[in-house]
Amino acid sequence: MNRIGQTDLEVFPLCLGGNVFGWTADEAASFAVLDAYAGAGGNFIDTADSYPQWADGCEGGESEAIIGRWLARRGRRDDLIIATKVGQSRHHPGLSPANIRSAAEASLRRLGAGHIDLYYAHEDDPVTPLADTVAAFDSLVREGKARYVAASNYSAPRLTHALASAQQQGLAGFVALQVHYNLVHRDEYEGDLAALCQREGLSCIAYSALADGFLTGKYRPGHALPVSERAEDAAAQLHDLLQAPGLNLSADDLALLDAASAPDGQPWPGA
């Protein structure tokens, strides 16, 4: 297990993202994924109040509701770390104090929980003063509705200001940063954000670690795309990578990558 920042949250090295729950995974499939993850020793589940509002017929919050029903039916809560987010939902946009509170209450109802273990600001809100946002999160921590708070999709300067505001006011500050980071999307984090997290003792939690499935190896030049709502995004990753200056991947290179990434040292089926 890994410890998040300077907290007492001990989490499995792989966090299970729930943005597909209620979208490409219906409730039965979502339960199966959650069962498999927990069965393998996983205890860190990530969702958001906006997931999956982009899908046809969804309002946002469906992912939280599915996780909540799974928690109730499986009787698993105290041994799990549940992270959710506020700020991107069409029903609770932004990080005003009133919005943070109402969104948190709605998330707790959907999750069927008394607290959120890690509550993220889903993205920066340039309109609301950082001091107000920090104070609103601190109130939830003091009331026991959130154990810890964290940031997602913040720039280094804005994260620096948020941390300083919390320190100056003596309030609960962000303990982690969630950032878009993987082998083909590195520049956003490597540099100022990485240095800031190291300096302040924040954990960095990556999202889109497999680049919309591209890094699984199932998308290849000249092959038909699988039937998936995420396939076009992964195909775009492949196109951009193959167009990168100075890159010349051969079939042998791809075979070596397959062997290195396969669980038993053998190429993935269909590779």
C-alpha atoms as a PDB file:
ATOM      1  CA  MET A   1       0.000   0.000   0.000  1.00  0.00           C
ATOM      2  CA  ASN A   2       1.046   3.604  -0.603  1.00  0.00           C
ATOM      3  CA  ARG A   3       0.384   6.537   1.698  1.00  0.00           C
ATOM      4  CA  ILE A   4      -1.241   9.655   0.215  1.00  0.00           C
ATOM      5  CA  GLY A   5       0.851  12.682   1.131  1.00  0.00           C
ATOM      6  CA  GLN A   6       1.140  13.148   4.869  1.00  0.00           C
ATOM      7  CA  THR A   7      -2.270  11.606   5.597  1.00  0.00           C
ATOM      8  CA  ASP A   8      -3.280   8.291   7.128  1.00  0.00           C
ATOM      9  CA  LEU A   9      -4.821   7.125   3.833  1.00  0.00           C
ATOM     10  CA  GLU A  10      -3.124   3.876   2.770  1.00  0.00           C
ATOM     11  CA  VAL A  11      -4.108   2.995  -0.797  1.00  0.00           C
ATOM     12  CA  PHE A  12      -3.555   0.239  -3.336  1.00  0.00           C
ATOM     13  CA  PRO A  13      -0.981   1.298  -5.979  1.00  0.00           C
ATOM     14  CA  LEU A  14      -3.646   1.190  -8.719  1.00  0.00           C
ATOM     15  CA  CYS A  15      -6.673   3.443  -8.279  1.00  0.00           C
ATOM     16  CA  LEU A  16      -9.879   2.244  -9.965  1.00  0.00           C
ATOM     17  CA  GLY A  17     -11.444   5.025 -12.033  1.00  0.00           C
ATOM     18  CA  GLY A  18     -15.240   5.029 -12.162  1.00  0.00           C
ATOM     19  CA  ASN A  19     -15.918   7.388 -15.045  1.00  0.00           C
ATOM     20  CA  VAL A  20     -17.226   4.542 -17.232  1.00  0.00           C
ATOM     21  CA  PHE A  21     -19.770   3.373 -14.631  1.00  0.00           C
ATOM     22  CA  GLY A  22     -23.202   4.145 -16.039  1.00  0.00           C
ATOM     23  CA  TRP A  23     -21.664   4.898 -19.450  1.00  0.00           C
ATOM     24  CA  THR A  24     -19.834   2.088 -21.247  1.00  0.00           C
ATOM     25  CA  ALA A  25     -20.293  -0.183 -18.212  1.00  0.00           C
ATOM     26  CA  ASP A  26     -23.847  -0.768 -17.009  1.00  0.00           C
ATOM     27  CA  GLU A  27     -24.559  -1.568 -13.366  1.00  0.00           C
ATOM     28  CA  ALA A  28     -23.932  -5.310 -13.695  1.00  0.00           C
ATOM     29  CA  ALA A  29     -20.641  -4.772 -15.504  1.00  0.00           C
ATOM     30  CA  SER A  30     -19.642  -2.064 -13.024  1.00  0.00           C
ATOM     31  CA  PHE A  31     -20.332  -4.391 -10.091  1.00  0.00           C
ATOM     32  CA  ALA A  32     -18.213  -7.086 -11.746  1.00  0.00           C
ATOM     33  CA  VAL A  33     -15.311  -4.657 -12.192  1.00  0.00           C
ATOM     34  CA  LEU A  34     -15.609  -3.446  -8.597  1.00  0.00           C
ATOM     35  CA  ASP A  35     -15.763  -7.035  -7.317  1.00  0.00           C
ATOM     36  CA  ALA A  36     -12.670  -8.003  -9.298  1.00  0.00           C
ATOM     37  CA  TYR A  37     -10.734  -4.957  -8.149  1.00  0.00           C
ATOM     38  CA  ALA A  38     -11.612  -5.470  -4.477  1.00  0.00           C
ATOM     39  CA  GLY A  39     -10.945  -9.192  -4.814  1.00  0.00           C
ATOM     40  CA  ALA A  40      -7.423  -8.424  -6.047  1.00  0.00           C
ATOM     41  CA  GLY A  41      -6.757  -6.317  -2.959  1.00  0.00           C
ATOM     42  CA  GLY A  42      -7.727  -2.919  -4.392  1.00  0.00           C
ATOM     43  CA  ASN A  43      -9.155  -0.350  -1.997  1.00  0.00           C
ATOM     44  CA  PHE A  44      -8.941   3.011  -3.834  1.00  0.00           C
ATOM     45  CA  ILE A  45     -11.948   4.000  -5.983  1.00  0.00           C
ATOM     46  CA  ASP A  46     -12.223   7.304  -7.846  1.00  0.00           C
ATOM     47  CA  THR A  47     -15.355   8.953  -9.196  1.00  0.00           C
ATOM     48  CA  ALA A  48     -16.917  12.433  -9.576  1.00  0.00           C
ATOM     49  CA  ASP A  49     -20.317  14.071  -9.318  1.00  0.00           C
ATOM     50  CA  SER A  50     -20.139  14.803 -13.051  1.00  0.00           C
ATOM     51  CA  TYR A  51     -19.538  11.193 -14.207  1.00  0.00           C
ATOM     52  CA  PRO A  52     -20.833  10.408 -16.838  1.00  0.00           C
ATOM     53  CA  GLN A  53     -22.851  13.512 -17.747  1.00  0.00           C
ATOM     54  CA  TRP A  54     -21.453  13.486 -21.296  1.00  0.00           C
ATOM     55  CA  ALA A  55     -23.201  10.186 -22.114  1.00  0.00           C
ATOM     56  CA  ASP A  56     -26.634  10.073 -23.732  1.00  0.00           C
ATOM     57  CA  GLY A  57     -29.370   9.971 -21.137  1.00  0.00           C
ATOM     58  CA  CYS A  58     -27.052  10.694 -18.196  1.00  0.00           C
ATOM     59  CA  GLU A  59     -27.223  13.687 -15.871  1.00  0.00           C
ATOM     60  CA  GLY A  60     -24.033  13.078 -13.905  1.00  0.00           C
ATOM     61  CA  GLY A  61     -23.824  11.298 -10.581  1.00  0.00           C
ATOM     62  CA  GLU A  62     -24.684   7.892 -12.047  1.00  0.00           C
ATOM     63  CA  SER A  63     -21.185   6.629 -11.299  1.00  0.00           C
ATOM     64  CA  GLU A  64     -21.425   7.655  -7.647  1.00  0.00           C
ATOM     65  CA  ALA A  65     -24.864   6.045  -7.367  1.00  0.00           C
ATOM     66  CA  ILE A  66     -23.622   2.734  -8.795  1.00  0.00           C
ATOM     67  CA  ILE A  67     -20.672   2.726  -6.406  1.00  0.00           C
ATOM     68  CA  GLY A  68     -23.035   3.538  -3.546  1.00  0.00           C
ATOM     69  CA  ARG A  69     -25.321   0.619  -4.376  1.00  0.00           C
ATOM     70  CA  TRP A  70     -22.312  -1.693  -4.678  1.00  0.00           C
ATOM     71  CA  LEU A  71     -21.044  -0.558  -1.285  1.00  0.00           C
ATOM     72  CA  ALA A  72     -24.452  -1.212   0.274  1.00  0.00           C
ATOM     73  CA  ARG A  73     -24.891  -4.657  -1.265  1.00  0.00           C
ATOM     74  CA  ARG A  74     -21.337  -5.818  -0.616  1.00  0.00           C
ATOM     75  CA  GLY A  75     -21.146  -4.322   2.856  1.00  0.00           C
ATOM     76  CA  ARG A  76     -17.747  -2.847   2.115  1.00  0.00           C
ATOM     77  CA  ARG A  77     -17.037   0.724   3.216  1.00  0.00           C
ATOM     78  CA  ASP A  78     -14.592   1.050   6.080  1.00  0.00           C
ATOM     79  CA  ASP A  79     -11.875  -0.884   4.223  1.00  0.00           C
ATOM     80  CA  LEU A  80     -12.198   1.244   1.078  1.00  0.00           C
ATOM     81  CA  ILE A  81     -10.921   4.708   0.190  1.00  0.00           C
ATOM     82  CA  ILE A  82     -13.515   6.586  -1.861  1.00  0.00           C
ATOM     83  CA  ALA A  83     -12.485   9.708  -3.777  1.00  0.00           C
ATOM     84  CA  THR A  84     -14.922  11.962  -5.592  1.00  0.00           C
ATOM     85  CA  LYS A  85     -14.857  15.455  -7.057  1.00  0.00           C
ATOM     86  CA  VAL A  86     -16.756  18.722  -7.304  1.00  0.00           C
ATOM     87  CA  GLY A  87     -16.677  21.524  -9.843  1.00  0.00           C
ATOM     88  CA  GLN A  88     -17.520  20.099 -13.272  1.00  0.00           C
ATOM     89  CA  SER A  89     -21.096  18.928 -12.816  1.00  0.00           C
ATOM     90  CA  ARG A  90     -23.679  20.835 -14.836  1.00  0.00           C
ATOM     91  CA  HIS A  91     -25.794  20.884 -11.669  1.00  0.00           C
ATOM     92  CA  HIS A  92     -22.992  22.124  -9.394  1.00  0.00           C
ATOM     93  CA  PRO A  93     -20.481  24.010 -11.551  1.00  0.00           C
ATOM     94  CA  GLY A  94     -17.563  25.833  -9.993  1.00  0.00           C
ATOM     95  CA  LEU A  95     -16.066  26.017  -6.516  1.00  0.00           C
ATOM     96  CA  SER A  96     -18.114  28.613  -4.652  1.00  0.00           C
ATOM     97  CA  PRO A  97     -18.646  27.752  -0.967  1.00  0.00           C
ATOM     98  CA  ALA A  98     -22.386  27.189  -1.454  1.00  0.00           C
ATOM     99  CA  ASN A  99     -21.762  24.957  -4.451  1.00  0.00           C
ATOM    100  CA  ILE A 100     -19.093  22.884  -2.708  1.00  0.00           C
ATOM    101  CA  ARG A 101     -21.394  22.232   0.234  1.00  0.00           C
ATOM    102  CA  SER A 102     -24.470  21.333  -1.807  1.00  0.00           C
ATOM    103  CA  ALA A 103     -22.425  19.128  -4.148  1.00  0.00           C
ATOM    104  CA  ALA A 104     -20.810  17.315  -1.236  1.00  0.00           C
ATOM    105  CA  GLU A 105     -24.187  16.606   0.342  1.00  0.00           C
ATOM    106  CA  ALA A 106     -25.494  15.258  -2.977  1.00  0.00           C
ATOM    107  CA  SER A 107     -22.423  13.046  -3.437  1.00  0.00           C
ATOM    108  CA  LEU A 108     -22.770  11.642   0.076  1.00  0.00           C
ATOM    109  CA  ARG A 109     -26.413  10.765  -0.602  1.00  0.00           C
ATOM    110  CA  ARG A 110     -25.566   8.978  -3.853  1.00  0.00           C
ATOM    111  CA  LEU A 111     -22.663   7.113  -2.256  1.00  0.00           C
ATOM    112  CA  GLY A 112     -24.753   6.238   0.775  1.00  0.00           C
ATOM    113  CA  ALA A 113     -21.817   7.280   2.924  1.00  0.00           C
ATOM    114  CA  GLY A 114     -21.217   9.438   5.948  1.00  0.00           C
ATOM    115  CA  HIS A 115     -17.952  10.830   4.636  1.00  0.00           C
ATOM    116  CA  ILE A 116     -15.774  11.184   1.556  1.00  0.00           C
ATOM    117  CA  ASP A 117     -12.201  10.004   2.085  1.00  0.00           C
ATOM    118  CA  LEU A 118     -10.597  12.263  -0.524  1.00  0.00           C
ATOM    119  CA  TYR A 119     -12.592  15.178  -1.943  1.00  0.00           C
ATOM    120  CA  TYR A 120     -11.155  16.842  -5.032  1.00  0.00           C
ATOM    121  CA  ALA A 121     -11.641  20.217  -6.602  1.00  0.00           C
ATOM    122  CA  HIS A 122     -12.196  18.747 -10.084  1.00  0.00           C
ATOM    123  CA  GLU A 123     -10.702  21.753 -11.806  1.00  0.00           C
ATOM    124  CA  ASP A 124      -9.645  25.272 -10.899  1.00  0.00           C
ATOM    125  CA  ASP A 125     -12.340  27.933 -10.646  1.00  0.00           C
ATOM    126  CA  PRO A 126     -10.772  31.271 -11.641  1.00  0.00           C
ATOM    127  CA  VAL A 127     -13.910  33.194 -10.665  1.00  0.00           C
ATOM    128  CA  THR A 128     -14.211  32.178  -7.011  1.00  0.00           C
ATOM    129  CA  PRO A 129     -11.468  33.539  -4.719  1.00  0.00           C
ATOM    130  CA  LEU A 130      -9.110  30.736  -3.696  1.00  0.00           C
ATOM    131  CA  ALA A 131      -9.456  31.731  -0.037  1.00  0.00           C
ATOM    132  CA  ASP A 132     -13.213  31.089  -0.221  1.00  0.00           C
ATOM    133  CA  THR A 133     -12.762  27.726  -1.905  1.00  0.00           C
ATOM    134  CA  VAL A 134     -10.156  26.613   0.629  1.00  0.00           C
ATOM    135  CA  ALA A 135     -12.373  27.704   3.542  1.00  0.00           C
ATOM    136  CA  ALA A 136     -15.346  25.784   2.140  1.00  0.00           C
ATOM    137  CA  PHE A 137     -13.317  22.580   1.862  1.00  0.00           C
ATOM    138  CA  ASP A 138     -11.960  23.101   5.372  1.00  0.00           C
ATOM    139  CA  SER A 139     -15.504  23.320   6.757  1.00  0.00           C
ATOM    140  CA  LEU A 140     -16.307  19.899   5.305  1.00  0.00           C
ATOM    141  CA  VAL A 141     -13.170  18.441   6.891  1.00  0.00           C
ATOM    142  CA  ARG A 142     -13.996  19.946  10.288  1.00  0.00           C
ATOM    143  CA  GLU A 143     -17.529  18.543  10.088  1.00  0.00           C
ATOM    144  CA  GLY A 144     -16.257  15.062   9.225  1.00  0.00           C
ATOM    145  CA  LYS A 145     -17.892  15.029   5.801  1.00  0.00           C
ATOM    146  CA  ALA A 146     -14.505  14.857   4.071  1.00  0.00           C
ATOM    147  CA  ARG A 147     -11.405  13.326   5.593  1.00  0.00           C
ATOM    148  CA  TYR A 148      -8.987  15.098   3.243  1.00  0.00           C
ATOM    149  CA  VAL A 149      -9.161  17.439   0.256  1.00  0.00           C
ATOM    150  CA  ALA A 150      -7.144  17.519  -2.948  1.00  0.00           C
ATOM    151  CA  ALA A 151      -6.793  19.313  -6.275  1.00  0.00           C
ATOM    152  CA  SER A 152      -7.242  18.129  -9.855  1.00  0.00           C
ATOM    153  CA  ASN A 153      -6.225  19.901 -13.058  1.00  0.00           C
ATOM    154  CA  TYR A 154      -4.559  22.862 -11.316  1.00  0.00           C
ATOM    155  CA  SER A 155      -1.607  24.774 -12.753  1.00  0.00           C
ATOM    156  CA  ALA A 156       1.500  25.112 -10.607  1.00  0.00           C
ATOM    157  CA  PRO A 157       0.919  28.833  -9.829  1.00  0.00           C
ATOM    158  CA  ARG A 158      -2.714  28.316  -8.811  1.00  0.00           C
ATOM    159  CA  LEU A 159      -1.896  25.256  -6.731  1.00  0.00           C
ATOM    160  CA  THR A 160       0.858  27.219  -5.015  1.00  0.00           C
ATOM    161  CA  HIS A 161      -1.620  29.982  -4.165  1.00  0.00           C
ATOM    162  CA  ALA A 162      -4.204  27.513  -2.873  1.00  0.00           C
ATOM    163  CA  LEU A 163      -1.674  25.833  -0.593  1.00  0.00           C
ATOM    164  CA  ALA A 164      -0.447  29.196   0.678  1.00  0.00           C
ATOM    165  CA  SER A 165      -4.004  30.379   1.351  1.00  0.00           C
ATOM    166  CA  ALA A 166      -4.757  27.300   3.449  1.00  0.00           C
ATOM    167  CA  GLN A 167      -1.531  27.682   5.399  1.00  0.00           C
ATOM    168  CA  GLN A 168      -2.081  31.382   6.053  1.00  0.00           C
ATOM    169  CA  GLN A 169      -5.613  30.770   7.333  1.00  0.00           C
ATOM    170  CA  GLY A 170      -4.693  27.678   9.337  1.00  0.00           C
ATOM    171  CA  LEU A 171      -7.090  25.564   7.279  1.00  0.00           C
ATOM    172  CA  ALA A 172      -7.010  22.082   5.782  1.00  0.00           C
ATOM    173  CA  GLY A 173      -4.973  22.202   2.579  1.00  0.00           C
ATOM    174  CA  PHE A 174      -4.780  19.990  -0.465  1.00  0.00           C
ATOM    175  CA  VAL A 175      -2.900  16.748   0.198  1.00  0.00           C
ATOM    176  CA  ALA A 176      -2.666  15.474  -3.375  1.00  0.00           C
ATOM    177  CA  LEU A 177      -2.841  16.493  -7.010  1.00  0.00           C
ATOM    178  CA  GLN A 178      -4.638  14.495  -9.673  1.00  0.00           C
ATOM    179  CA  VAL A 179      -3.143  15.199 -13.072  1.00  0.00           C
ATOM    180  CA  HIS A 180      -3.384  13.954 -16.655  1.00  0.00           C
ATOM    181  CA  TYR A 181      -0.205  11.914 -16.955  1.00  0.00           C
ATOM    182  CA  ASN A 182       0.964   8.888 -18.926  1.00  0.00           C
ATOM    183  CA  LEU A 183       3.802   7.792 -21.194  1.00  0.00           C
ATOM    184  CA  VAL A 184       2.519   9.879 -24.117  1.00  0.00           C
ATOM    185  CA  HIS A 185       1.298  12.879 -22.089  1.00  0.00           C
ATOM    186  CA  ARG A 186       4.137  13.960 -19.851  1.00  0.00           C
ATOM    187  CA  ASP A 187       4.875  17.654 -20.289  1.00  0.00           C
ATOM    188  CA  GLU A 188       1.886  18.899 -18.282  1.00  0.00           C
ATOM    189  CA  TYR A 189       3.210  17.354 -15.063  1.00  0.00           C
ATOM    190  CA  GLU A 190       6.948  16.963 -15.495  1.00  0.00           C
ATOM    191  CA  GLY A 191       8.469  20.299 -14.552  1.00  0.00           C
ATOM    192  CA  ASP A 192       6.889  22.888 -12.277  1.00  0.00           C
ATOM    193  CA  LEU A 193       4.013  20.705 -11.048  1.00  0.00           C
ATOM    194  CA  ALA A 194       6.266  17.766 -10.211  1.00  0.00           C
ATOM    195  CA  ALA A 195       8.695  20.046  -8.392  1.00  0.00           C
ATOM    196  CA  LEU A 196       5.872  21.667  -6.444  1.00  0.00           C
ATOM    197  CA  CYS A 197       4.385  18.325  -5.369  1.00  0.00           C
ATOM    198  CA  GLN A 198       7.775  17.096  -4.225  1.00  0.00           C
ATOM    199  CA  ARG A 199       8.520  20.302  -2.353  1.00  0.00           C
ATOM    200  CA  GLU A 200       5.147  20.407  -0.576  1.00  0.00           C
ATOM    201  CA  GLY A 201       4.853  16.683   0.090  1.00  0.00           C
ATOM    202  CA  LEU A 202       1.791  16.195  -2.113  1.00  0.00           C
ATOM    203  CA  SER A 203       1.037  12.854  -3.709  1.00  0.00           C
ATOM    204  CA  CYS A 204       0.514  12.863  -7.471  1.00  0.00           C
ATOM    205  CA  ILE A 205      -2.309  10.642  -8.698  1.00  0.00           C
ATOM    206  CA  ALA A 206      -2.394  10.168 -12.470  1.00  0.00           C
ATOM    207  CA  TYR A 207      -5.544   9.888 -14.538  1.00  0.00           C
ATOM    208  CA  SER A 208      -5.812   8.570 -18.090  1.00  0.00           C
ATOM    209  CA  ALA A 209      -2.792   6.410 -17.277  1.00  0.00           C
ATOM    210  CA  LEU A 210      -3.477   4.211 -20.323  1.00  0.00           C
ATOM    211  CA  ALA A 211      -4.221   7.151 -22.654  1.00  0.00           C
ATOM    212  CA  ASP A 212      -7.853   6.151 -23.354  1.00  0.00           C
ATOM    213  CA  GLY A 213      -6.720   2.567 -23.900  1.00  0.00           C
ATOM    214  CA  PHE A 214      -4.003   3.422 -26.409  1.00  0.00           C
ATOM    215  CA  LEU A 215      -1.234   2.141 -24.131  1.00  0.00           C
ATOM    216  CA  THR A 216      -2.894  -1.264 -23.817  1.00  0.00           C
ATOM    217  CA  GLY A 217      -1.508  -2.015 -27.271  1.00  0.00           C
ATOM    218  CA  LYS A 218      -4.830  -2.915 -28.862  1.00  0.00           C
ATOM    219  CA  TYR A 219      -4.800   0.007 -31.330  1.00  0.00           C
ATOM    220  CA  ARG A 220      -2.405  -0.477 -34.230  1.00  0.00           C
ATOM    221  CA  PRO A 221      -1.761   1.179 -37.616  1.00  0.00           C
ATOM    222  CA  GLY A 222      -3.734  -0.488 -40.383  1.00  0.00           C
ATOM    223  CA  HIS A 223      -6.089  -2.323 -38.009  1.00  0.00           C
ATOM    224  CA  ALA A 224      -9.805  -1.643 -37.730  1.00  0.00           C
ATOM    225  CA  LEU A 225     -10.877   0.190 -34.588  1.00  0.00           C
ATOM    226  CA  PRO A 226     -12.737  -1.924 -32.035  1.00  0.00           C
ATOM    227  CA  VAL A 227     -16.334  -1.004 -31.277  1.00  0.00           C
ATOM    228  CA  SER A 228     -15.876   1.414 -28.409  1.00  0.00           C
ATOM    229  CA  GLU A 229     -16.903   4.954 -27.585  1.00  0.00           C
ATOM    230  CA  ARG A 230     -13.306   5.645 -26.530  1.00  0.00           C
ATOM    231  CA  ALA A 231     -11.621   4.116 -29.584  1.00  0.00           C
ATOM    232  CA  GLU A 232     -11.470   7.362 -31.564  1.00  0.00           C
ATOM    233  CA  ASP A 233      -9.593   9.092 -28.725  1.00  0.00           C
ATOM    234  CA  ALA A 234      -7.093   6.240 -28.554  1.00  0.00           C
ATOM    235  CA  ALA A 235      -6.715   6.265 -32.338  1.00  0.00           C
ATOM    236  CA  ALA A 236      -5.906   9.980 -32.173  1.00  0.00           C
ATOM    237  CA  GLN A 237      -3.185   9.200 -29.605  1.00  0.00           C
ATOM    238  CA  LEU A 238      -1.708   6.650 -32.031  1.00  0.00           C
ATOM    239  CA  HIS A 239      -1.816   9.106 -34.935  1.00  0.00           C
ATOM    240  CA  ASP A 240      -0.102  11.832 -32.916  1.00  0.00           C
ATOM    241  CA  LEU A 241       2.561   9.441 -31.675  1.00  0.00           C
ATOM    242  CA  LEU A 242       3.387   8.125 -35.125  1.00  0.00           C
ATOM    243  CA  GLN A 243       3.674  11.698 -36.427  1.00  0.00           C
ATOM    244  CA  ALA A 244       6.097  12.724 -33.678  1.00  0.00           C
ATOM    245  CA  PRO A 245       9.371  14.126 -35.068  1.00  0.00           C
ATOM    246  CA  GLY A 246      12.241  11.657 -35.001  1.00  0.00           C
ATOM    247  CA  LEU A 247      10.091   8.677 -34.011  1.00  0.00           C
ATOM    248  CA  ASN A 248      10.504   5.546 -36.113  1.00  0.00           C
ATOM    249  CA  LEU A 249       8.765   2.584 -34.509  1.00  0.00           C
ATOM    250  CA  SER A 250       9.322  -0.752 -36.208  1.00  0.00           C
ATOM    251  CA  ALA A 251       7.330  -3.960 -35.847  1.00  0.00           C
ATOM    252  CA  ASP A 252      10.175  -5.322 -33.721  1.00  0.00           C
ATOM    253  CA  ASP A 253       9.925  -2.309 -31.402  1.00  0.00           C
ATOM    254  CA  LEU A 254       6.214  -2.905 -30.900  1.00  0.00           C
ATOM    255  CA  ALA A 255       6.797  -6.613 -30.257  1.00  0.00           C
ATOM    256  CA  LEU A 256       9.333  -5.793 -27.560  1.00  0.00           C
ATOM    257  CA  LEU A 257       6.884  -3.398 -25.922  1.00  0.00           C
ATOM    258  CA  ASP A 258       4.180  -6.068 -26.035  1.00  0.00           C
ATOM    259  CA  ALA A 259       6.421  -8.636 -24.359  1.00  0.00           C
ATOM    260  CA  ALA A 260       7.515  -6.171 -21.683  1.00  0.00           C
ATOM    261  CA  SER A 261       3.946  -5.175 -20.813  1.00  0.00           C
ATOM    262  CA  ALA A 262       2.308  -8.610 -20.934  1.00  0.00           C
ATOM    263  CA  PRO A 263       1.701 -10.229 -17.528  1.00  0.00           C
ATOM    264  CA  ASP A 264       3.516 -13.449 -18.431  1.00  0.00           C
ATOM    265  CA  GLY A 265       6.166 -12.015 -20.729  1.00  0.00           C
ATOM    266  CA  GLN A 266       4.311 -13.163 -23.842  1.00  0.00           C
ATOM    267  CA  PRO A 267       2.710 -10.913 -26.463  1.00  0.00           C
ATOM    268  CA  TRP A 268      -0.906  -9.940 -25.957  1.00  0.00           C
ATOM    269  CA  PRO A 269      -3.446 -11.865 -28.057  1.00  0.00           C
ATOM    270  CA  GLY A 270      -3.894 -10.261 -31.442  1.00  0.00           C
ATOM    271  CA  ALA A 271      -0.719  -8.195 -31.117  1.00  0.00           C
END
